Amino acid sequence: MHAHPCAQPSPTGRGSNAARGEVTAELAGAPRRLCLTLGALAEMEGALRVEGIEALAARMRALSAGDLMAVLAALLRGGGEHELAEGLSAARVDARAAAEAVAAAFAAAV
């Protein structure tokens, strides 16, 4: 089984690949790749206790700080940033940067 293309390094070995829906955001002091994959969507549905895209979209309109971190972690895993995703609760991540990164990842997937 192959990993999702977003989890693969970009051709240059750095940055993101917009053609694959990846975005790069400065989080915890370094540029990080995020990608909205099917796995990330499923993880978000589970974390936010909703079923389906419409319910997820409605739930995303009013996220708590914990919800935002769960969504961000799912998007980081989608982008191959597993280490930060696993340690996100202890990382120094600015709330505004986190919200902007999540918004950018969803916008890139459209």
Protein backbone atom coordinates (compact mmCIF):
# COMPACT_ATOMS: atom_id res chain seq x y z
CA MET A 1 0.00 0.00 0.00
CA HIS A 2 1.33 3.43 -0.92
CA ALA A 3 1.16 6.54 1.23
CA HIS A 4 -1.02 9.41 0.12
CA PRO A 5 0.88 11.75 -2.26
CA CYS A 6 0.69 14.59 0.27
CA ALA A 7 2.76 12.51 2.66
CA GLN A 8 5.56 12.23 0.11
CA PRO A 9 8.38 14.77 -0.06
CA SER A 10 7.98 17.48 -2.65
CA PRO A 11 10.18 17.09 -5.75
CA THR A 12 12.66 19.62 -4.36
CA GLY A 13 12.69 17.99 -0.93
CA ARG A 14 11.28 21.08 0.77
CA GLY A 15 8.10 23.10 0.90
CA SER A 16 4.71 21.98 -0.25
CA ASN A 17 3.20 20.87 -3.52
CA ALA A 18 0.08 22.88 -4.31
CA ALA A 19 -0.86 20.48 -7.11
CA ARG A 20 -1.39 17.82 -4.45
CA GLY A 21 -3.32 20.17 -2.16
CA GLU A 22 -0.44 20.68 0.25
CA VAL A 23 0.14 23.91 2.11
CA THR A 24 3.07 25.02 4.22
CA ALA A 25 2.55 26.87 7.48
CA GLU A 26 4.98 28.15 10.08
CA LEU A 27 4.11 26.16 13.21
CA ALA A 28 6.21 25.47 16.30
CA GLY A 29 9.14 27.40 14.86
CA ALA A 30 9.45 25.62 11.51
CA PRO A 31 7.67 25.33 8.17
CA ARG A 32 5.24 22.39 8.29
CA ARG A 33 3.30 20.65 5.54
CA LEU A 34 -0.45 20.10 5.92
CA CYS A 35 -2.72 18.19 3.58
CA LEU A 36 -6.43 17.39 3.66
CA THR A 37 -6.51 13.67 2.89
CA LEU A 38 -9.36 11.20 3.22
CA GLY A 39 -7.60 9.82 6.27
CA ALA A 40 -7.42 13.31 7.78
CA LEU A 41 -11.14 13.81 7.12
CA ALA A 42 -11.96 10.51 8.80
CA GLU A 43 -9.76 11.41 11.76
CA MET A 44 -11.50 14.78 12.09
CA GLU A 45 -14.95 13.17 11.96
CA GLY A 46 -13.95 10.86 14.79
CA ALA A 47 -12.35 13.58 16.89
CA LEU A 48 -15.30 15.94 16.45
CA ARG A 49 -17.87 13.14 16.76
CA VAL A 50 -19.67 13.83 13.49
CA GLU A 51 -20.48 11.75 10.43
CA GLY A 52 -20.21 13.09 6.92
CA ILE A 53 -18.80 16.13 5.20
CA GLU A 54 -21.85 18.32 5.82
CA ALA A 55 -21.84 17.60 9.56
CA LEU A 56 -18.08 18.18 9.67
CA ALA A 57 -18.45 21.52 7.86
CA ALA A 58 -21.16 22.62 10.29
CA ARG A 59 -19.06 21.55 13.28
CA MET A 60 -15.98 23.38 11.96
CA ARG A 61 -17.82 26.70 12.27
CA ALA A 62 -17.51 26.61 16.08
CA LEU A 63 -14.32 24.86 17.15
CA SER A 64 -12.98 24.86 20.69
CA ALA A 65 -9.22 25.12 21.18
CA GLY A 66 -9.06 21.35 21.67
CA ASP A 67 -11.06 20.77 18.50
CA LEU A 68 -8.72 23.06 16.57
CA MET A 69 -5.72 21.07 17.79
CA ALA A 70 -7.36 17.78 16.76
CA VAL A 71 -8.09 19.14 13.27
CA LEU A 72 -4.59 20.56 12.97
CA ALA A 73 -3.05 17.24 14.05
CA ALA A 74 -5.06 15.38 11.40
CA LEU A 75 -3.93 17.81 8.69
CA LEU A 76 -0.30 17.57 9.84
CA ARG A 77 -0.46 13.78 9.65
CA GLY A 78 -1.95 14.13 6.16
CA GLY A 79 1.09 16.21 5.22
CA GLY A 80 3.54 13.71 6.69
CA GLU A 81 4.31 15.77 9.82
CA HIS A 82 3.69 12.88 12.23
CA GLU A 83 6.18 13.94 14.90
CA LEU A 84 4.60 17.36 15.43
CA ALA A 85 1.08 15.91 15.16
CA GLU A 86 1.84 13.46 17.98
CA GLY A 87 3.44 16.12 20.21
CA LEU A 88 1.10 18.97 19.33
CA SER A 89 -0.26 19.42 22.84
CA ALA A 90 3.25 20.18 24.14
CA ALA A 91 4.37 22.26 21.14
CA ARG A 92 4.41 26.04 21.11
CA VAL A 93 1.83 26.73 18.43
CA ASP A 94 0.22 30.14 18.08
CA ALA A 95 -3.59 29.89 18.00
CA ARG A 96 -3.90 32.32 15.09
CA ALA A 97 -1.25 30.47 13.10
CA ALA A 98 -3.05 27.19 13.78
CA ALA A 99 -6.41 28.58 12.62
CA GLU A 100 -4.84 30.11 9.51
CA ALA A 101 -3.06 26.84 8.69
CA VAL A 102 -6.31 24.87 8.97
CA ALA A 103 -8.14 27.39 6.77
CA ALA A 104 -5.34 27.29 4.17
CA ALA A 105 -5.38 23.48 4.07
CA PHE A 106 -9.12 23.42 3.43
CA ALA A 107 -8.83 26.15 0.79
CA ALA A 108 -6.05 24.25 -1.01
CA ALA A 109 -8.23 21.13 -1.20
CA VAL A 110 -10.97 22.91 -3.15
